[in-house]
Amino acid sequence: MIEAITEFTGTLAGYLWNNGLTMLILVGTGLYLTIRLRFVQLTGFRHGWVLVSGRLSRDSDSGEVSHFQALSTALSATVGTGNIAGVATAISLGGPGALFWMWVTAFVGMATKFTESTLALKFREVDEDGTIAGGPMYTLLHGLKMKRMAALFAVFALIASFGIGNLVQANSVVDGLTYIWPEFDDHGWVIGVVLSVLVGTVILGGVHRIAVVASAIVPFMVIIYVVSALAVLIQNAAEIPSALLTIFNLALNPWAAGGAAVGEAIRWGVARGLFSNEAGLGSSPMAHAAARTSEPVREGLVAMMEPFIDTIVICTMTGLVIVLSGAYLTAEEGVVGAALTAYAFSLNFGDFGAMVVGFGLSLFAFSTMIAWSYYGDRSARFLFGKKSVLYYRIVFTIVIVVGAAVPLKLVWNIADITTILMALPNLLALFLLAGLVQRMKTDYFSGMQG
């Protein structure tokens, strides 16, 4: 039964991702927004960092969390297994050239993040008790009066929260930890139970507790992982130019890689790039909608930092470690995903390197789960009302145990399918409301100069 479901979902995921139209929609929307917003990812980059620092915040503004807490919550969802398992999967299946296309996805994705999060602030709902509800479903509902499309997005987001935000994370933790301790291979459910208890403890406290935990965990885990990766890169500094040349060559040169190989690099680079930074998915705008600000453009600029930190910084670190070590060429058959990254680190630091990846993956996955649980409960609230939120959180924690025991390929297939289905209604809203965001951006920066 599991084999049949895996085969079916694999075929469907392949159909959705293995065509030029999907790539054109995903990257094309980001490119369109980049041009329409006059390269906001470059012109607004510095100001975005000023906003993250909190220097321009006012406690009197509506919202539940600070700019930094909103960014940390969103980053806790994006900085996850995509940075460890996703990059390794992209390189093992699409070659080193896939990393270049992850960069492209991230760059245009910065404009996408800016747009979707600005709109989330513009059209969010604030209850009498100060509770915030926002995201693409509210943008579609209030901004475009597309009630059915809004409900469709919420349904896909709800399902995706159990795929990309739950099953994938639990499965990847087991994958990474069993590489270090093979004796856990037949007891993945034990890891699942521990994760379930820890996640449940946080998410039952709502967005406030999620934001506090995320703002504590995210900086710590990013620093630990980046420092470890930098140590590998410093050891192999002389080979970095050659590695970068290999990445560019295999990404762009069909004569060196072969036309089919370049196609695979594009496919897996874009797919895993989107999975990693979630630009265009419509997930992180739900976290940014809760930010304490009266200026929607400000939170858009803060959100824009996500793809930069997640993909251009952290994914690049992982990718270079794998390419420099040659792990994608020397790993045994079956060593994929998080295990491949752990293997790459172990080639430089032995068992310690594998442990860094294993424990880093556990923290990344934990933070991703708590953030995605919030996205899921916002979707449940939109579809079924406030009373459904508690029931959703309980079910979410139980499913973690299931995810720890489900085959890896099936989990990734589900994640790929729900990711693209969730993205489409959101991308439609971004395309139709790009003019509004452009005017809001112009007014905001004109006001600053005035």
Protein backbone atom coordinates (compact mmCIF):
# COMPACT_ATOMS: atom_id res chain seq x y z
CA MET A 1 0.00 0.00 0.00
CA ILE A 2 2.75 2.46 0.99
CA GLU A 3 4.68 1.55 -2.18
CA ALA A 4 1.63 2.30 -4.36
CA ILE A 5 1.00 5.64 -2.66
CA THR A 6 4.69 6.53 -2.97
CA GLU A 7 4.64 5.72 -6.69
CA PHE A 8 1.45 7.70 -7.30
CA THR A 9 2.61 10.77 -5.39
CA GLY A 10 6.00 10.56 -7.11
CA THR A 11 4.31 10.59 -10.52
CA LEU A 12 2.11 13.54 -9.57
CA ALA A 13 5.03 15.48 -8.07
CA GLY A 14 7.07 14.81 -11.21
CA TYR A 15 4.23 16.04 -13.41
CA LEU A 16 3.85 19.24 -11.40
CA TRP A 17 7.57 20.02 -11.26
CA ASN A 18 8.91 18.49 -14.51
CA ASN A 19 7.57 21.09 -16.89
CA GLY A 20 8.72 24.49 -18.07
CA LEU A 21 5.41 26.13 -17.18
CA THR A 22 5.89 25.54 -13.45
CA MET A 23 9.41 26.95 -13.57
CA LEU A 24 8.20 29.94 -15.58
CA ILE A 25 5.40 30.68 -13.10
CA LEU A 26 7.63 30.42 -10.02
CA VAL A 27 10.73 32.24 -11.22
CA GLY A 28 8.82 34.42 -13.67
CA THR A 29 6.60 35.93 -10.98
CA GLY A 30 9.65 36.81 -8.89
CA LEU A 31 11.38 38.29 -11.94
CA TYR A 32 8.27 40.29 -12.86
CA LEU A 33 8.02 41.67 -9.31
CA THR A 34 11.75 42.45 -9.27
CA ILE A 35 11.37 44.59 -12.38
CA ARG A 36 7.99 46.09 -11.38
CA LEU A 37 9.36 47.09 -7.96
CA ARG A 38 12.61 48.37 -9.49
CA PHE A 39 14.91 45.89 -7.77
CA VAL A 40 13.60 46.52 -4.27
CA GLN A 41 15.88 43.73 -2.99
CA LEU A 42 18.83 46.00 -3.76
CA THR A 43 17.42 49.48 -3.12
CA GLY A 44 15.68 48.53 0.14
CA PHE A 45 18.28 46.10 1.49
CA ARG A 46 20.03 48.45 3.89
CA HIS A 47 16.80 49.93 5.24
CA GLY A 48 15.48 46.43 5.84
CA TRP A 49 18.34 45.70 8.24
CA VAL A 50 17.65 48.98 10.09
CA LEU A 51 14.04 47.87 10.59
CA VAL A 52 15.11 44.45 11.89
CA SER A 53 17.22 46.18 14.55
CA GLY A 54 14.04 47.72 15.99
CA ARG A 55 15.26 51.31 15.86
CA LEU A 56 12.13 52.50 14.03
CA SER A 57 9.55 50.49 15.98
CA ARG A 58 6.74 52.02 18.06
CA ASP A 59 5.01 50.10 20.85
CA SER A 60 1.77 51.96 20.10
CA ASP A 61 1.42 50.26 16.70
CA SER A 62 -1.03 47.36 16.28
CA GLY A 63 0.49 43.90 16.28
CA GLU A 64 1.48 40.99 18.49
CA VAL A 65 5.24 40.67 17.89
CA SER A 66 8.21 42.88 16.99
CA HIS A 67 9.87 43.04 13.55
CA PHE A 68 12.69 40.86 14.84
CA GLN A 69 10.33 38.30 16.37
CA ALA A 70 8.26 38.14 13.17
CA LEU A 71 11.42 37.63 11.11
CA SER A 72 12.67 35.00 13.57
CA THR A 73 9.36 33.14 13.46
CA ALA A 74 9.36 33.16 9.65
CA LEU A 75 13.05 32.21 9.52
CA SER A 76 12.44 29.39 11.97
CA ALA A 77 10.19 27.90 9.27
CA THR A 78 12.51 28.55 6.33
CA VAL A 79 15.84 27.79 8.03
CA GLY A 80 15.23 24.09 8.37
CA THR A 81 15.75 20.83 6.59
CA GLY A 82 15.79 22.67 3.26
CA ASN A 83 19.17 24.09 4.24
CA ILE A 84 20.60 20.67 5.09
CA ALA A 85 18.54 17.97 3.39
CA GLY A 86 17.12 20.11 0.58
CA VAL A 87 20.47 21.38 -0.69
CA ALA A 88 21.94 17.88 -0.54
CA THR A 89 18.96 16.49 -2.46
CA ALA A 90 19.27 19.21 -5.11
CA ILE A 91 23.00 18.55 -5.63
CA SER A 92 22.73 14.75 -5.57
CA LEU A 93 19.89 14.76 -8.15
CA GLY A 94 20.66 17.91 -10.14
CA GLY A 95 24.44 18.22 -9.73
CA PRO A 96 26.40 21.17 -8.30
CA GLY A 97 24.78 23.49 -10.86
CA ALA A 98 21.53 23.24 -8.89
CA LEU A 99 23.04 25.54 -6.26
CA PHE A 100 23.24 28.38 -8.80
CA TRP A 101 19.54 28.06 -9.55
CA MET A 102 18.81 28.11 -5.83
CA TRP A 103 20.59 31.50 -5.77
CA VAL A 104 18.46 32.76 -8.68
CA THR A 105 15.30 31.61 -6.94
CA ALA A 106 16.39 33.39 -3.76
CA PHE A 107 17.27 36.67 -5.47
CA VAL A 108 13.96 37.06 -7.29
CA GLY A 109 12.28 35.51 -4.24
CA MET A 110 13.32 38.53 -2.17
CA ALA A 111 10.97 40.67 -4.28
CA THR A 112 8.28 38.03 -3.92
CA LYS A 113 8.66 38.00 -0.12
CA PHE A 114 8.50 41.79 -0.02
CA THR A 115 5.27 41.80 -2.02
CA GLU A 116 3.41 39.01 -0.22
CA SER A 117 4.30 40.26 3.28
CA THR A 118 3.44 43.89 2.48
CA LEU A 119 0.03 42.72 1.30
CA ALA A 120 -0.39 40.53 4.39
CA LEU A 121 -0.03 43.64 6.60
CA LYS A 122 -2.28 45.68 4.36
CA PHE A 123 -5.19 43.24 4.50
CA ARG A 124 -4.77 41.59 7.92
CA GLU A 125 -7.60 41.37 10.46
CA VAL A 126 -7.19 42.60 14.05
CA ASP A 127 -9.63 41.21 16.63
CA GLU A 128 -10.92 43.23 19.59
CA ASP A 129 -8.47 41.43 21.89
CA GLY A 130 -5.55 42.38 19.60
CA THR A 131 -5.17 38.93 18.04
CA ILE A 132 -3.92 39.12 14.45
CA ALA A 133 -4.98 37.00 11.48
CA GLY A 134 -3.33 37.61 8.14
CA GLY A 135 -1.81 35.99 5.10
CA PRO A 136 -2.64 35.32 1.44
CA MET A 137 -6.15 34.06 2.25
CA TYR A 138 -7.00 37.49 3.69
CA THR A 139 -5.24 39.22 0.79
CA LEU A 140 -7.33 37.21 -1.67
CA LEU A 141 -10.49 37.80 0.36
CA HIS A 142 -10.18 41.52 1.11
CA GLY A 143 -7.82 42.67 -1.66
CA LEU A 144 -9.35 40.82 -4.59
CA LYS A 145 -12.76 39.67 -3.26
CA MET A 146 -11.87 36.10 -4.29
CA LYS A 147 -13.55 34.17 -1.49
CA ARG A 148 -13.27 30.74 -3.12
CA MET A 149 -9.63 31.24 -4.05
CA ALA A 150 -8.92 32.38 -0.49
CA ALA A 151 -10.50 29.20 0.87
CA LEU A 152 -8.54 27.13 -1.66
CA PHE A 153 -5.26 28.63 -0.47
CA ALA A 154 -6.18 27.97 3.17
CA VAL A 155 -7.00 24.32 2.37
CA PHE A 156 -3.66 23.80 0.60
CA ALA A 157 -1.80 25.60 3.40
CA LEU A 158 -3.50 23.43 6.00
CA ILE A 159 -2.46 20.26 4.16
CA ALA A 160 1.03 21.66 3.51
CA SER A 161 1.52 22.31 7.22
CA PHE A 162 1.39 18.56 7.74
CA GLY A 163 3.69 17.88 4.78
CA ILE A 164 6.43 20.48 4.48
CA GLY A 165 6.04 21.65 8.09
CA ASN A 166 5.61 18.36 9.89
CA LEU A 167 6.25 15.04 8.10
CA VAL A 168 9.35 16.25 6.25
CA GLN A 169 10.86 17.75 9.38
CA ALA A 170 10.30 14.70 11.60
CA ASN A 171 11.55 12.35 8.89
CA SER A 172 14.68 14.38 8.22
CA VAL A 173 15.56 14.48 11.93
CA VAL A 174 15.39 10.68 12.04
CA ASP A 175 17.44 10.54 8.82
CA GLY A 176 20.18 12.73 10.27
CA LEU A 177 20.29 11.19 13.75
CA THR A 178 20.27 7.58 12.53
CA TYR A 179 23.27 8.41 10.35
CA ILE A 180 25.11 9.24 13.59
CA TRP A 181 23.52 6.49 15.68
CA PRO A 182 22.42 3.62 13.38
CA GLU A 183 20.88 1.79 16.33
CA PHE A 184 17.94 4.25 16.19
CA ASP A 185 17.11 3.11 12.66
CA ASP A 186 14.33 0.77 13.80
CA HIS A 187 13.13 3.11 16.55
CA GLY A 188 12.36 6.32 14.68
CA TRP A 189 9.06 6.58 16.51
CA VAL A 190 10.96 7.24 19.76
CA ILE A 191 12.52 10.35 18.22
CA GLY A 192 9.07 11.27 16.93
CA VAL A 193 7.52 11.07 20.40
CA VAL A 194 10.22 13.30 21.91
CA LEU A 195 9.78 15.86 19.12
CA SER A 196 6.02 15.73 19.50
CA VAL A 197 6.16 16.53 23.22
CA LEU A 198 8.62 19.40 22.73
CA VAL A 199 6.66 20.96 19.86
CA GLY A 200 3.35 20.60 21.68
CA THR A 201 4.75 22.38 24.73
CA VAL A 202 5.53 25.45 22.61
CA ILE A 203 2.66 25.71 20.15
CA LEU A 204 -0.11 25.39 22.74
CA GLY A 205 1.08 28.81 23.99
CA GLY A 206 0.17 30.49 20.70
CA VAL A 207 2.10 32.99 18.58
CA HIS A 208 3.60 34.82 21.58
CA ARG A 209 5.36 31.70 22.87
CA ILE A 210 6.30 30.63 19.35
CA ALA A 211 7.86 34.05 18.66
CA VAL A 212 9.79 34.09 21.94
CA VAL A 213 11.18 30.57 21.40
CA ALA A 214 11.98 31.26 17.74
CA SER A 215 13.79 34.52 18.49
CA ALA A 216 15.97 32.62 20.98
CA ILE A 217 16.63 29.50 18.89
CA VAL A 218 17.09 30.97 15.39
CA PRO A 219 20.14 33.21 16.01
CA PHE A 220 21.80 30.46 18.07
CA MET A 221 21.30 27.68 15.55
CA VAL A 222 22.26 29.83 12.56
CA ILE A 223 25.51 30.94 14.21
CA ILE A 224 26.48 27.38 15.24
CA TYR A 225 25.81 25.95 11.79
CA VAL A 226 27.40 28.80 9.84
CA VAL A 227 30.54 28.77 12.02
CA SER A 228 30.89 24.99 11.49
CA ALA A 229 30.47 25.37 7.73
CA LEU A 230 32.92 28.29 7.66
CA ALA A 231 35.51 26.10 9.39
CA VAL A 232 35.22 23.60 6.53
CA LEU A 233 35.44 26.35 3.90
CA ILE A 234 38.50 27.89 5.55
CA GLN A 235 40.23 24.50 5.54
CA ASN A 236 39.54 24.24 1.80
CA ALA A 237 39.81 27.95 0.92
CA ALA A 238 42.20 27.36 -1.99
CA GLU A 239 39.64 25.16 -3.74
CA ILE A 240 36.65 27.51 -3.40
CA PRO A 241 37.23 29.34 -6.74
CA SER A 242 37.35 25.98 -8.51
CA ALA A 243 34.16 24.85 -6.76
CA LEU A 244 32.35 28.05 -7.77
CA LEU A 245 33.52 27.62 -11.36
CA THR A 246 32.14 24.08 -11.33
CA ILE A 247 28.79 25.32 -10.02
CA PHE A 248 28.46 28.04 -12.69
CA ASN A 249 29.70 25.76 -15.46
CA LEU A 250 27.28 22.93 -14.69
CA ALA A 251 24.40 25.38 -14.22
CA LEU A 252 24.81 27.32 -17.46
CA ASN A 253 27.01 25.42 -19.89
CA PRO A 254 25.12 22.64 -21.73
CA TRP A 255 28.32 21.72 -23.58
CA ALA A 256 30.07 20.92 -20.30
CA ALA A 257 27.18 19.29 -18.47
CA GLY A 258 24.88 18.19 -21.28
CA GLY A 259 21.49 19.72 -22.00
CA ALA A 260 19.62 17.19 -19.85
CA ALA A 261 21.97 17.80 -16.92
CA VAL A 262 21.39 21.55 -17.08
CA GLY A 263 17.66 20.87 -17.14
CA GLU A 264 17.94 18.72 -14.03
CA ALA A 265 20.03 21.42 -12.32
CA ILE A 266 17.31 24.00 -13.04
CA ARG A 267 14.52 21.67 -11.94
CA TRP A 268 16.06 20.63 -8.64
CA GLY A 269 17.62 24.02 -7.92
CA VAL A 270 14.32 25.86 -8.30
CA ALA A 271 12.29 23.16 -6.52
CA ARG A 272 14.60 22.96 -3.52
CA GLY A 273 15.19 26.72 -3.56
CA LEU A 274 11.47 27.30 -3.19
CA PHE A 275 11.26 24.61 -0.51
CA SER A 276 14.13 26.23 1.38
CA ASN A 277 13.15 29.92 1.38
CA GLU A 278 9.39 29.47 0.71
CA ALA A 279 9.25 32.61 -1.46
CA GLY A 280 5.87 32.70 -3.16
CA LEU A 281 4.37 29.95 -1.03
CA GLY A 282 2.46 32.43 1.08
CA SER A 283 3.49 30.80 4.35
CA SER A 284 5.71 33.37 6.05
CA PRO A 285 3.33 36.32 5.39
CA MET A 286 1.11 34.73 8.05
CA ALA A 287 3.91 35.29 10.59
CA HIS A 288 4.79 38.76 9.31
CA ALA A 289 1.12 39.80 9.46
CA ALA A 290 1.39 39.68 13.27
CA ALA A 291 4.19 42.29 13.33
CA ARG A 292 3.80 45.44 15.41
CA THR A 293 3.77 48.14 12.74
CA SER A 294 1.37 50.49 10.99
CA GLU A 295 3.48 50.58 7.81
CA PRO A 296 2.94 47.46 5.64
CA VAL A 297 6.00 48.29 3.51
CA ARG A 298 8.24 48.10 6.57
CA GLU A 299 7.36 44.48 7.23
CA GLY A 300 7.77 43.73 3.54
CA LEU A 301 11.35 44.98 3.75
CA VAL A 302 11.96 42.88 6.87
CA ALA A 303 10.52 39.78 5.18
CA MET A 304 12.82 40.37 2.23
CA MET A 305 15.78 39.40 4.42
CA GLU A 306 14.57 35.79 4.66
CA PRO A 307 15.69 34.43 1.27
CA PHE A 308 19.02 36.24 1.67
CA ILE A 309 19.78 34.68 5.07
CA ASP A 310 18.23 31.32 4.29
CA THR A 311 19.41 30.57 0.77
CA ILE A 312 22.14 32.98 -0.27
CA VAL A 313 24.00 32.57 3.05
CA ILE A 314 23.11 29.26 4.72
CA CYS A 315 22.29 27.08 1.69
CA THR A 316 25.45 28.32 -0.01
CA MET A 317 27.47 27.18 3.01
CA THR A 318 25.95 23.70 2.85
CA GLY A 319 26.31 23.47 -0.91
CA LEU A 320 29.96 24.50 -0.92
CA VAL A 321 30.79 22.00 1.84
CA ILE A 322 29.23 19.20 -0.24
CA VAL A 323 30.93 20.29 -3.48
CA LEU A 324 34.35 20.98 -1.93
CA SER A 325 34.38 17.64 -0.12
CA GLY A 326 33.25 15.76 -3.22
CA ALA A 327 30.69 14.00 -1.00
CA TYR A 328 28.08 13.93 -3.78
CA LEU A 329 30.49 11.83 -5.84
CA THR A 330 31.89 9.50 -3.16
CA ALA A 331 28.84 8.83 -0.98
CA GLU A 332 27.44 5.32 -1.00
CA GLU A 333 24.20 4.68 -2.82
CA GLY A 334 21.28 5.57 -0.59
CA VAL A 335 23.14 8.31 1.29
CA VAL A 336 20.94 11.26 0.33
CA GLY A 337 19.27 14.24 1.96
CA ALA A 338 20.46 15.08 5.46
CA ALA A 339 22.68 12.00 5.54
CA LEU A 340 24.66 13.31 2.55
CA THR A 341 25.30 16.63 4.32
CA ALA A 342 26.34 14.76 7.48
CA TYR A 343 28.70 12.65 5.37
CA ALA A 344 30.22 15.79 3.79
CA PHE A 345 30.91 17.34 7.20
CA SER A 346 32.33 14.04 8.52
CA LEU A 347 34.90 14.00 5.71
CA ASN A 348 36.40 17.12 7.30
CA PHE A 349 35.66 16.68 11.01
CA GLY A 350 35.00 12.97 11.43
CA ASP A 351 32.19 11.96 13.77
CA PHE A 352 32.07 15.46 15.24
CA GLY A 353 31.12 16.91 11.85
CA ALA A 354 28.27 14.44 11.46
CA MET A 355 27.06 15.28 14.97
CA VAL A 356 26.99 19.02 14.15
CA VAL A 357 24.68 18.26 11.25
CA GLY A 358 22.54 15.85 13.24
CA PHE A 359 21.98 18.20 16.16
CA GLY A 360 21.72 21.24 13.88
CA LEU A 361 19.06 19.44 11.89
CA SER A 362 17.13 18.66 15.07
CA LEU A 363 17.07 22.34 16.07
CA PHE A 364 16.22 23.47 12.53
CA ALA A 365 13.39 20.96 12.25
CA PHE A 366 12.02 21.81 15.70
CA SER A 367 11.88 25.51 14.89
CA THR A 368 10.32 24.80 11.49
CA MET A 369 7.60 22.71 13.09
CA ILE A 370 6.58 25.38 15.59
CA ALA A 371 6.40 28.05 12.88
CA TRP A 372 4.43 25.88 10.45
CA SER A 373 2.01 24.92 13.19
CA TYR A 374 1.14 28.63 13.39
CA TYR A 375 0.61 28.79 9.62
CA GLY A 376 -1.63 25.76 9.84
CA ASP A 377 -3.68 27.08 12.75
CA ARG A 378 -4.19 30.41 10.92
CA SER A 379 -5.53 28.41 7.97
CA ALA A 380 -7.75 26.31 10.23
CA ARG A 381 -9.06 29.51 11.85
CA PHE A 382 -9.88 31.00 8.46
CA LEU A 383 -11.73 27.85 7.33
CA PHE A 384 -13.41 26.64 10.51
CA GLY A 385 -13.28 29.47 13.06
CA LYS A 386 -11.34 30.15 16.27
CA LYS A 387 -12.50 27.01 18.08
CA SER A 388 -10.71 24.78 15.54
CA VAL A 389 -7.25 26.11 16.44
CA LEU A 390 -6.76 24.04 19.60
CA TYR A 391 -7.89 20.83 17.88
CA TYR A 392 -5.54 21.53 14.99
CA ARG A 393 -2.56 21.98 17.33
CA ILE A 394 -3.30 18.67 19.07
CA VAL A 395 -3.52 16.77 15.77
CA PHE A 396 -0.34 18.47 14.53
CA THR A 397 1.68 17.20 17.49
CA ILE A 398 0.37 13.63 17.02
CA VAL A 399 1.24 13.55 13.29
CA ILE A 400 4.90 14.25 14.14
CA VAL A 401 5.19 10.68 15.45
CA VAL A 402 3.82 9.36 12.15
CA GLY A 403 6.26 11.46 10.13
CA ALA A 404 9.20 9.97 11.98
CA ALA A 405 8.32 6.50 10.65
CA VAL A 406 7.11 7.20 7.09
CA PRO A 407 9.48 6.45 4.13
CA LEU A 408 11.57 9.48 3.06
CA LYS A 409 10.58 9.42 -0.62
CA LEU A 410 6.85 9.50 0.16
CA VAL A 411 7.30 12.43 2.53
CA TRP A 412 9.22 14.48 -0.02
CA ASN A 413 6.60 13.70 -2.69
CA ILE A 414 3.83 15.02 -0.45
CA ALA A 415 5.87 18.13 0.33
CA ASP A 416 6.49 18.85 -3.36
CA ILE A 417 2.81 18.46 -4.27
CA THR A 418 1.42 20.61 -1.47
CA THR A 419 4.10 23.25 -2.02
CA ILE A 420 3.18 23.95 -5.63
CA LEU A 421 -0.59 23.78 -5.04
CA MET A 422 -0.26 26.24 -2.16
CA ALA A 423 1.87 28.63 -4.21
CA LEU A 424 -0.47 29.07 -7.18
CA PRO A 425 -3.34 31.05 -5.53
CA ASN A 426 -0.78 33.22 -3.72
CA LEU A 427 1.19 33.97 -6.90
CA LEU A 428 -2.06 34.98 -8.62
CA ALA A 429 -2.71 37.55 -5.89
CA LEU A 430 0.85 38.89 -6.12
CA PHE A 431 0.59 39.34 -9.87
CA LEU A 432 -2.78 41.12 -9.71
CA LEU A 433 -1.82 43.40 -6.81
CA ALA A 434 1.73 44.25 -7.88
CA GLY A 435 0.64 47.75 -8.92
CA LEU A 436 -0.79 48.46 -5.48
CA VAL A 437 2.44 47.33 -3.80
CA GLN A 438 4.48 49.50 -6.16
CA ARG A 439 2.43 52.57 -5.19
CA MET A 440 2.74 51.74 -1.48
CA LYS A 441 6.51 51.34 -1.84
CA THR A 442 6.85 54.65 -3.69
CA ASP A 443 4.72 56.50 -1.11
CA TYR A 444 6.70 55.01 1.79
CA PHE A 445 10.13 55.96 0.49
CA SER A 446 8.88 59.37 -0.69
CA GLY A 447 7.64 60.02 2.86
CA MET A 448 11.04 59.11 4.28
CA GLN A 449 12.79 61.56 1.97
CA GLY A 450 10.24 64.25 2.76
